C-alpha atoms as a PDB file:
ATOM      1  CA  LEU A   1      -1.174 -13.764  27.654  1.00  0.00           C
ATOM      2  CA  ILE A   2       1.293 -14.381  30.492  1.00  0.00           C
ATOM      3  CA  SER A   3       3.965 -11.898  31.581  1.00  0.00           C
ATOM      4  CA  GLN A   4       7.503 -13.296  31.450  1.00  0.00           C
ATOM      5  CA  SER A   5      10.599 -11.969  33.197  1.00  0.00           C
ATOM      6  CA  LEU A   6      12.939 -13.990  30.950  1.00  0.00           C
ATOM      7  CA  PRO A   7      12.893 -14.583  27.172  1.00  0.00           C
ATOM      8  CA  VAL A   8      10.886 -17.628  26.080  1.00  0.00           C
ATOM      9  CA  ASP A   9      10.243 -19.188  22.687  1.00  0.00           C
ATOM     10  CA  VAL A  10       7.324 -17.897  20.640  1.00  0.00           C
ATOM     11  CA  VAL A  11       5.289 -20.987  19.807  1.00  0.00           C
ATOM     12  CA  ASP A  12       2.226 -21.820  17.760  1.00  0.00           C
ATOM     13  CA  SER A  13      -0.995 -23.316  19.118  1.00  0.00           C
ATOM     14  CA  GLU A  14       0.579 -26.798  19.005  1.00  0.00           C
ATOM     15  CA  ASN A  15       3.627 -25.652  21.011  1.00  0.00           C
ATOM     16  CA  ASN A  16       5.988 -25.694  18.012  1.00  0.00           C
ATOM     17  CA  LYS A  17       8.685 -23.016  17.907  1.00  0.00           C
ATOM     18  CA  ILE A  18       8.102 -20.243  15.378  1.00  0.00           C
ATOM     19  CA  MET A  19      11.085 -20.323  13.009  1.00  0.00           C
ATOM     20  CA  GLY A  20      12.201 -18.624   9.789  1.00  0.00           C
ATOM     21  CA  ILE A  21      11.362 -15.054  10.866  1.00  0.00           C
ATOM     22  CA  LYS A  22      12.986 -12.235   8.882  1.00  0.00           C
ATOM     23  CA  ALA A  23      11.543  -9.151  10.627  1.00  0.00           C
ATOM     24  CA  ILE A  24       9.126  -8.169  13.394  1.00  0.00           C
ATOM     25  CA  VAL A  25       7.173  -4.993  14.212  1.00  0.00           C
ATOM     26  CA  ALA A  26       4.804  -4.131  17.032  1.00  0.00           C
ATOM     27  CA  GLY A  27       1.808  -1.837  17.394  1.00  0.00           C
ATOM     28  CA  SER A  28       0.252  -0.805  20.690  1.00  0.00           C
ATOM     29  CA  GLY A  29      -0.778  -4.356  21.549  1.00  0.00           C
ATOM     30  CA  HIS A  30      -0.126  -6.520  18.511  1.00  0.00           C
ATOM     31  CA  THR A  31       2.867  -8.022  16.717  1.00  0.00           C
ATOM     32  CA  ILE A  32       3.440  -8.767  13.029  1.00  0.00           C
ATOM     33  CA  ALA A  33       6.218 -11.116  11.885  1.00  0.00           C
ATOM     34  CA  LEU A  34       7.558 -11.385   8.328  1.00  0.00           C
ATOM     35  CA  LYS A  35       8.768 -14.864   7.442  1.00  0.00           C
ATOM     36  CA  ASN A  36      11.609 -15.694   5.062  1.00  0.00           C
ATOM     37  CA  ASP A  37       9.076 -16.958   2.519  1.00  0.00           C
ATOM     38  CA  GLY A  38       7.279 -13.578   2.390  1.00  0.00           C
ATOM     39  CA  THR A  39       4.232 -14.651   4.412  1.00  0.00           C
ATOM     40  CA  LEU A  40       3.047 -13.000   7.630  1.00  0.00           C
ATOM     41  CA  LEU A  41       2.133 -14.092  11.149  1.00  0.00           C
ATOM     42  CA  ALA A  42       0.329 -11.907  13.678  1.00  0.00           C
ATOM     43  CA  TRP A  43      -0.711 -12.149  17.316  1.00  0.00           C
ATOM     44  CA  GLY A  44      -1.911 -10.018  20.222  1.00  0.00           C
ATOM     45  CA  GLY A  45      -4.790  -7.549  20.453  1.00  0.00           C
ATOM     46  CA  ASN A  46      -7.187  -7.580  17.511  1.00  0.00           C
ATOM     47  CA  GLY A  47     -10.147  -5.423  18.506  1.00  0.00           C
ATOM     48  CA  ASN A  48      -9.885  -3.470  15.229  1.00  0.00           C
ATOM     49  CA  GLY A  49      -8.745  -6.249  12.912  1.00  0.00           C
ATOM     50  CA  GLN A  50      -5.081  -5.203  13.156  1.00  0.00           C
ATOM     51  CA  LEU A  51      -3.944  -8.846  12.916  1.00  0.00           C
ATOM     52  CA  GLY A  52      -5.409  -9.156   9.422  1.00  0.00           C
ATOM     53  CA  ASP A  53      -6.850 -12.629   9.929  1.00  0.00           C
ATOM     54  CA  GLY A  54     -10.406 -11.631   8.977  1.00  0.00           C
ATOM     55  CA  THR A  55     -11.624 -11.472  12.585  1.00  0.00           C
ATOM     56  CA  GLU A  56     -11.581  -9.140  15.576  1.00  0.00           C
ATOM     57  CA  LEU A  57     -10.539 -11.911  17.977  1.00  0.00           C
ATOM     58  CA  ASN A  58      -7.432 -11.459  20.136  1.00  0.00           C
ATOM     59  CA  ARG A  59      -4.797 -14.123  19.474  1.00  0.00           C
ATOM     60  CA  SER A  60      -2.389 -15.572  22.058  1.00  0.00           C
ATOM     61  CA  PHE A  61      -0.645 -17.600  19.361  1.00  0.00           C
ATOM     62  CA  PRO A  62       0.617 -16.457  15.945  1.00  0.00           C
ATOM     63  CA  THR A  63      -2.022 -16.622  13.230  1.00  0.00           C
ATOM     64  CA  VAL A  64      -1.603 -16.318   9.459  1.00  0.00           C
ATOM     65  CA  VAL A  65      -2.419 -12.940   7.868  1.00  0.00           C
ATOM     66  CA  LYS A  66      -4.836 -13.582   4.987  1.00  0.00           C
ATOM     67  CA  ASP A  67      -6.086 -11.757   1.904  1.00  0.00           C
ATOM     68  CA  VAL A  68      -9.664 -11.096   0.747  1.00  0.00           C
ATOM     69  CA  ASP A  69      -9.816 -14.650  -0.670  1.00  0.00           C
ATOM     70  CA  ASN A  70      -8.836 -16.101   2.722  1.00  0.00           C
ATOM     71  CA  GLN A  71      -5.412 -17.098   1.370  1.00  0.00           C
ATOM     72  CA  PRO A  72      -2.112 -16.343   3.151  1.00  0.00           C
ATOM     73  CA  ILE A  73      -0.593 -12.991   2.166  1.00  0.00           C
ATOM     74  CA  SER A  74       2.648 -13.673   0.278  1.00  0.00           C
ATOM     75  CA  GLY A  75       5.440 -11.789  -1.485  1.00  0.00           C
ATOM     76  CA  VAL A  76       5.913  -9.300   1.369  1.00  0.00           C
ATOM     77  CA  ARG A  77       9.292  -7.594   1.752  1.00  0.00           C
ATOM     78  CA  ALA A  78       8.646  -5.093   4.572  1.00  0.00           C
ATOM     79  CA  ILE A  79       6.146  -4.551   7.398  1.00  0.00           C
ATOM     80  CA  PHE A  80       4.999  -1.690   9.634  1.00  0.00           C
ATOM     81  CA  ALA A  81       2.662  -1.574  12.627  1.00  0.00           C
ATOM     82  CA  LYS A  82       1.437   1.295  14.756  1.00  0.00           C
ATOM     83  CA  ASN A  83      -1.300   1.648  17.343  1.00  0.00           C
ATOM     84  CA  ARG A  84      -4.188  -0.387  15.911  1.00  0.00           C
ATOM     85  CA  HIS A  85      -3.186  -0.817  12.268  1.00  0.00           C
ATOM     86  CA  SER A  86      -0.629  -2.577  10.094  1.00  0.00           C
ATOM     87  CA  PHE A  87       0.968  -2.188   6.661  1.00  0.00           C
ATOM     88  CA  ALA A  88       2.819  -4.628   4.397  1.00  0.00           C
ATOM     89  CA  ILE A  89       4.940  -3.633   1.386  1.00  0.00           C
ATOM     90  CA  LYS A  90       5.074  -6.291  -1.311  1.00  0.00           C
ATOM     91  CA  ALA A  91       7.923  -7.008  -3.723  1.00  0.00           C
ATOM     92  CA  ASP A  92       6.455  -4.732  -6.433  1.00  0.00           C
ATOM     93  CA  GLY A  93       6.087  -1.849  -3.969  1.00  0.00           C
ATOM     94  CA  SER A  94       2.321  -2.231  -3.610  1.00  0.00           C
ATOM     95  CA  VAL A  95       1.011  -1.718  -0.069  1.00  0.00           C
ATOM     96  CA  LEU A  96      -1.582  -3.577   1.968  1.00  0.00           C
ATOM     97  CA  ALA A  97      -3.302  -1.830   4.897  1.00  0.00           C
ATOM     98  CA  TRP A  98      -5.517  -3.244   7.639  1.00  0.00           C
ATOM     99  CA  GLY A  99      -6.835  -2.420  11.105  1.00  0.00           C
ATOM    100  CA  PHE A 100      -8.039   0.955  12.412  1.00  0.00           C
ATOM    101  CA  TRP A 101      -6.359   4.081  11.050  1.00  0.00           C
ATOM    102  CA  ASP A 102      -7.048   7.731  11.929  1.00  0.00           C
ATOM    103  CA  GLY A 103      -7.474  10.044   8.947  1.00  0.00           C
ATOM    104  CA  THR A 104      -5.726  13.375   8.508  1.00  0.00           C
ATOM    105  CA  LYS A 105      -7.219  16.855   8.818  1.00  0.00           C
ATOM    106  CA  GLU A 106      -7.487  17.128   5.040  1.00  0.00           C
ATOM    107  CA  ASP A 107      -9.772  14.092   5.086  1.00  0.00           C
ATOM    108  CA  ASN A 108     -11.914  15.584   7.881  1.00  0.00           C
ATOM    109  CA  ASP A 109     -10.442  13.081  10.338  1.00  0.00           C
ATOM    110  CA  ARG A 110     -12.304  10.161   8.765  1.00  0.00           C
ATOM    111  CA  THR A 111     -11.204   6.751   9.943  1.00  0.00           C
ATOM    112  CA  TYR A 112     -10.328   3.591   8.052  1.00  0.00           C
ATOM    113  CA  ASN A 113     -11.114   0.147   9.448  1.00  0.00           C
ATOM    114  CA  SER A 114     -10.618  -3.205   7.733  1.00  0.00           C
ATOM    115  CA  ILE A 115     -10.134  -6.659   9.253  1.00  0.00           C
ATOM    116  CA  ILE A 116      -8.725  -7.846   5.913  1.00  0.00           C
ATOM    117  CA  PRO A 117      -5.572  -6.439   4.236  1.00  0.00           C
ATOM    118  CA  ARG A 118      -6.530  -4.205   1.279  1.00  0.00           C
ATOM    119  CA  GLU A 119      -4.346  -2.517  -1.312  1.00  0.00           C
ATOM    120  CA  LEU A 120      -3.370   1.124  -0.992  1.00  0.00           C
ATOM    121  CA  LEU A 121      -4.681   3.124  -3.966  1.00  0.00           C
ATOM    122  CA  ASP A 122      -3.704   6.371  -5.660  1.00  0.00           C
ATOM    123  CA  SER A 123      -5.986   9.415  -5.748  1.00  0.00           C
ATOM    124  CA  SER A 124      -7.729   8.070  -8.887  1.00  0.00           C
ATOM    125  CA  GLY A 125      -8.549   4.779  -7.227  1.00  0.00           C
ATOM    126  CA  ASN A 126      -5.842   2.795  -9.038  1.00  0.00           C
ATOM    127  CA  ARG A 127      -3.429   0.429  -7.294  1.00  0.00           C
ATOM    128  CA  ILE A 128      -0.001   1.896  -6.696  1.00  0.00           C
ATOM    129  CA  ILE A 129       3.414   0.287  -6.873  1.00  0.00           C
ATOM    130  CA  GLY A 130       6.950   1.429  -6.133  1.00  0.00           C
ATOM    131  CA  ILE A 131       6.534   2.273  -2.430  1.00  0.00           C
ATOM    132  CA  LYS A 132       9.877   1.884  -0.653  1.00  0.00           C
ATOM    133  CA  ALA A 133       8.881   2.671   2.942  1.00  0.00           C
ATOM    134  CA  ILE A 134       5.801   3.616   4.949  1.00  0.00           C
ATOM    135  CA  ASP A 135       5.219   5.191   8.352  1.00  0.00           C
ATOM    136  CA  ASP A 136       1.669   5.905   9.557  1.00  0.00           C
ATOM    137  CA  HIS A 137       0.599   9.036   7.595  1.00  0.00           C
ATOM    138  CA  PHE A 138       3.456   9.049   5.050  1.00  0.00           C
ATOM    139  CA  ALA A 139       5.213   6.861   2.470  1.00  0.00           C
ATOM    140  CA  ILE A 140       8.319   7.107   0.267  1.00  0.00           C
ATOM    141  CA  ASP A 141       7.847   6.325  -3.433  1.00  0.00           C
ATOM    142  CA  SER A 142      10.386   4.936  -5.910  1.00  0.00           C
ATOM    143  CA  ASN A 143      11.550   8.496  -6.745  1.00  0.00           C
ATOM    144  CA  ASP A 144      12.220   9.289  -3.053  1.00  0.00           C
ATOM    145  CA  ASN A 145       9.226  11.630  -2.866  1.00  0.00           C
ATOM    146  CA  LEU A 146       7.305  11.865   0.394  1.00  0.00           C
ATOM    147  CA  LEU A 147       3.621  10.968  -0.084  1.00  0.00           C
ATOM    148  CA  ILE A 148       0.744  11.790   2.252  1.00  0.00           C
ATOM    149  CA  LEU A 149      -1.663   9.019   3.202  1.00  0.00           C
ATOM    150  CA  GLY A 150      -5.121   9.837   4.425  1.00  0.00           C
ATOM    151  CA  ARG A 151      -7.969  10.017   1.973  1.00  0.00           C
ATOM    152  CA  PHE A 152     -10.386   7.235   1.184  1.00  0.00           C
ATOM    153  CA  PHE A 153     -11.817   5.623  -1.948  1.00  0.00           C
ATOM    154  CA  GLY A 154     -14.747   3.407  -1.008  1.00  0.00           C
ATOM    155  CA  ASP A 155     -13.304   1.153   1.656  1.00  0.00           C
ATOM    156  CA  ARG A 156      -9.700   1.757   0.596  1.00  0.00           C
ATOM    157  CA  LEU A 157      -7.032   4.006   2.045  1.00  0.00           C
ATOM    158  CA  ILE A 158      -5.328   6.058  -0.686  1.00  0.00           C
ATOM    159  CA  THR A 159      -2.347   8.321  -1.243  1.00  0.00           C
ATOM    160  CA  THR A 160      -3.198  11.955  -1.860  1.00  0.00           C
ATOM    161  CA  ALA A 161      -0.159  13.683  -3.311  1.00  0.00           C
ATOM    162  CA  ILE A 162       3.494  14.490  -2.815  1.00  0.00           C
ATOM    163  CA  ALA A 163       3.798  16.207   0.554  1.00  0.00           C
ATOM    164  CA  ASN A 164       4.721  19.901   0.679  1.00  0.00           C
ATOM    165  CA  ASP A 165       6.868  21.566   3.314  1.00  0.00           C
ATOM    166  CA  SER A 166       5.896  24.730   5.217  1.00  0.00           C
ATOM    167  CA  PHE A 167       6.975  26.795   2.181  1.00  0.00           C
ATOM    168  CA  GLY A 168       4.712  24.865  -0.184  1.00  0.00           C
ATOM    169  CA  MET A 169       7.594  23.021  -1.825  1.00  0.00           C
ATOM    170  CA  PRO A 170       7.399  19.275  -2.590  1.00  0.00           C
ATOM    171  CA  VAL A 171       9.307  17.132  -0.114  1.00  0.00           C
ATOM    172  CA  THR A 172      11.739  15.056  -2.163  1.00  0.00           C
ATOM    173  CA  GLY A 173      15.032  13.232  -1.676  1.00  0.00           C
ATOM    174  CA  ILE A 174      13.744  11.302   1.333  1.00  0.00           C
ATOM    175  CA  LYS A 175      16.035   8.490   2.458  1.00  0.00           C
ATOM    176  CA  ALA A 176      14.163   7.128   5.498  1.00  0.00           C
ATOM    177  CA  ILE A 177      11.079   7.746   7.645  1.00  0.00           C
ATOM    178  CA  GLU A 178      10.398   6.793  11.236  1.00  0.00           C
ATOM    179  CA  SER A 179       7.745   7.969  13.708  1.00  0.00           C
ATOM    180  CA  GLY A 180       7.060  11.286  11.992  1.00  0.00           C
ATOM    181  CA  LEU A 181      10.730  12.033  11.223  1.00  0.00           C
ATOM    182  CA  PHE A 182      12.006  12.249   7.631  1.00  0.00           C
ATOM    183  CA  LEU A 183      15.694  11.884   6.779  1.00  0.00           C
ATOM    184  CA  LYS A 184      16.767  13.453   3.485  1.00  0.00           C
ATOM    185  CA  GLU A 185      19.705  12.316   1.355  1.00  0.00           C
ATOM    186  CA  SER A 186      21.376  15.614   2.266  1.00  0.00           C
ATOM    187  CA  GLY A 187      21.307  14.678   5.960  1.00  0.00           C
ATOM    188  CA  GLU A 188      18.561  17.229   6.722  1.00  0.00           C
ATOM    189  CA  LEU A 189      15.953  16.032   9.189  1.00  0.00           C
ATOM    190  CA  LEU A 190      12.295  17.052   8.860  1.00  0.00           C
ATOM    191  CA  THR A 191       9.351  16.331  11.117  1.00  0.00           C
ATOM    192  CA  GLY A 192       5.609  16.094  10.656  1.00  0.00           C
ATOM    193  CA  GLY A 193       2.471  14.376  11.830  1.00  0.00           C
ATOM    194  CA  GLY A 194      -1.148  13.915  10.883  1.00  0.00           C
ATOM    195  CA  GLY A 195      -0.299  14.453   7.222  1.00  0.00           C
ATOM    196  CA  LYS A 196       1.539  17.762   7.696  1.00  0.00           C
ATOM    197  CA  ILE A 197       5.242  18.712   7.476  1.00  0.00           C
ATOM    198  CA  SER A 198       6.642  21.381   9.770  1.00  0.00           C
END
């Protein structure tokens, strides 16, 4: 990779401009781009499989994010990247996770690592749908409940339960999440990290 002082076009390996991008997110050293057709491109550091191309090779040019059958991921409506992992939310609210992810205290700090995007599961090992937003250790479901991420089922990352606040009450009515901050419909702002709300 070459440092640039001025903006330049992002191009593919054949020097064609990357077009039709709907959204972009960045982790510590990698970038994920969501295209208008619901497919994903990724480039940058890939030491933990955070690009989701089935390898751990760093990529200077955008590469297609692929599923377990080596086919391009499709039907994505939202993306999230942090540190060395990535998430994609599909149209039905199902979530794909890949890369290296630190577990929470309640999961004895176990880690998750996959070079291929895999579906997020519920605590019974079933696929989940209806996720509206995701941010590292937390997600918002279709009922605006705050869910904790951080246990494992085989090689899959799963949701554990609706998060509780410091009084033991379920955290509901969540409108948005970002970097460990949770905005409620009421305008109240909560904070948390590592799977805990304070």
